[in-house]
Protein backbone atom coordinates (compact mmCIF):
# COMPACT_ATOMS: atom_id res chain seq x y z
CA LEU A 1 6.95 -3.26 26.26
CA ILE A 2 5.29 -0.98 24.09
CA MET A 3 6.86 1.14 21.80
CA ASN A 4 7.06 5.09 22.84
CA MET A 5 5.07 7.41 20.24
CA GLU A 6 8.18 9.35 19.41
CA HIS A 7 9.94 6.25 18.09
CA ALA A 8 6.75 5.20 16.46
CA GLN A 9 6.43 8.42 14.49
CA VAL A 10 10.12 8.30 13.47
CA ALA A 11 9.62 4.63 12.04
CA MET A 12 6.75 6.09 10.32
CA GLN A 13 8.53 8.81 8.80
CA ILE A 14 10.99 6.44 7.44
CA ILE A 15 8.26 4.33 5.85
CA MET A 16 6.47 7.40 4.26
CA HIS A 17 9.62 8.61 2.96
CA ALA A 18 10.97 5.33 1.58
CA GLY A 19 7.28 4.75 0.05
CA ASP A 20 7.56 8.06 -1.86
CA ALA A 21 10.71 6.98 -3.27
CA ARG A 22 9.52 3.35 -4.18
CA THR A 23 6.52 5.15 -6.05
CA LYS A 24 8.90 7.53 -8.15
CA THR A 25 11.24 4.71 -8.73
CA MET A 26 8.12 2.53 -10.29
CA ASP A 27 7.24 5.89 -12.26
CA ALA A 28 11.07 5.79 -13.68
CA LEU A 29 10.57 2.00 -14.60
CA ARG A 30 7.01 2.89 -16.17
CA ALA A 31 9.06 5.66 -18.27
CA LEU A 32 11.78 3.40 -19.34
CA LYS A 33 9.21 0.94 -20.66
CA GLU A 34 8.49 3.86 -23.18
CA PHE A 35 12.06 4.23 -23.52
CA ASP A 36 11.44 7.93 -22.10
CA ILE A 37 14.91 8.14 -20.43
CA ILE A 38 14.61 11.80 -19.75
CA HIS A 39 11.33 11.20 -17.64
CA ALA A 40 12.94 8.03 -15.90
CA LYS A 41 15.95 10.06 -15.05
CA GLU A 42 13.95 13.00 -13.61
CA HIS A 43 11.67 10.21 -11.60
CA LEU A 44 14.58 8.38 -10.36
CA SER A 45 16.10 11.86 -9.03
CA GLY A 46 13.00 12.49 -7.07
CA ALA A 47 13.26 9.16 -5.63
CA LYS A 48 16.60 9.94 -4.67
CA GLU A 49 15.31 13.02 -2.58
CA TYR A 50 13.06 11.06 -0.83
CA LEU A 51 15.28 8.38 0.17
CA VAL A 52 17.89 10.77 1.49
CA LYS A 53 15.03 11.84 3.58
CA ALA A 54 14.24 8.63 5.03
CA HIS A 55 18.14 8.22 5.47
CA ASN A 56 18.38 11.39 7.41
CA VAL A 57 15.51 10.54 9.75
CA GLN A 58 16.74 7.09 10.10
CA THR A 59 20.67 8.41 11.15
CA GLY A 60 18.95 10.44 13.59
CA ALA A 61 17.22 7.50 15.53
CA LEU A 62 20.70 5.70 15.19
CA GLN A 63 22.89 8.65 16.11
CA GLU A 64 20.42 8.90 19.66
CA GLU A 65 20.77 5.20 20.43
CA ALA A 66 24.99 5.83 19.81
CA GLU A 67 24.82 8.26 22.13
CA GLY A 68 23.28 6.30 24.89
CA LYS A 69 19.61 6.95 24.56
CA GLU A 70 18.19 3.62 25.49
CA ILE A 71 15.63 2.55 22.45
CA GLU A 72 13.73 -0.53 22.62
CA TYR A 73 13.53 -2.80 19.99
CA SER A 74 10.44 -2.48 17.51
CA ILE A 75 9.28 -4.38 14.79
CA LEU A 76 7.86 -1.11 13.38
CA PHE A 77 11.46 0.19 13.21
CA SER A 78 12.93 -2.78 11.96
CA HIS A 79 10.23 -2.72 9.05
CA ALA A 80 11.18 0.87 8.40
CA GLN A 81 14.84 0.00 8.01
CA ASP A 82 13.72 -2.79 5.83
CA THR A 83 11.77 -0.77 3.40
CA CYS A 84 14.47 1.41 3.50
CA MET A 85 16.83 -0.78 2.34
CA THR A 86 14.64 -2.25 0.11
CA VAL A 87 14.05 0.72 -1.94
CA TYR A 88 17.79 1.48 -2.18
CA SER A 89 18.06 -1.48 -4.03
CA GLU A 90 15.07 -1.01 -6.37
CA MET A 91 16.68 2.13 -6.92
CA ASN A 92 20.18 0.90 -7.85
CA ILE A 93 18.45 -1.39 -10.08
CA ALA A 94 16.34 1.13 -11.96
CA GLU A 95 19.54 3.05 -12.39
CA HIS A 96 21.32 0.31 -14.34
CA PHE A 97 18.01 -0.06 -16.53
CA ILE A 98 18.53 3.38 -17.31
CA ASP A 99 22.03 2.96 -18.24
CA VAL A 100 21.06 -0.10 -20.39
CA CYS A 101 18.47 1.81 -22.11
CA GLU A 102 20.87 4.92 -22.55
CA ASN A 103 23.15 2.56 -24.32
CA ILE A 104 20.75 0.60 -26.36
CA ASP A 105 19.56 3.97 -27.72
CA LYS A 106 23.19 5.23 -28.57
CA ARG A 107 23.56 1.91 -30.35
CA LEU A 108 20.28 2.45 -32.41
CA LYS A 109 20.90 6.04 -33.21
CA ALA A 110 24.24 4.92 -34.39
CA LEU A 111 22.74 2.28 -36.69
CA GLU A 112 20.19 4.91 -38.13
CA ASN A 113 23.00 7.29 -38.80
CA LYS A 114 24.76 4.57 -41.08
């Protein structure tokens, strides 16, 4: 079976948006290396916007299947879902790193003020 073009385009949209989210997440982590918490948060916020776009596209495809539209299995769509989930995990880790850096920053500032 050959995957229909519409389904392939949906998968590529998910991959594209998830890839943009990954790029912004990596930008956030690079900012954290310099302890630039403000920019890290800005980048992560942008990453979340891209991941919401990916999720919305994915949800649309899943709703069609739930409504009874027959959608054939595709490695490309599976890859898109995998990419989306992986980036979501990376974003969660980056968010925790931001929290850790904020706590370290608060403690250092408290020590400096003693």
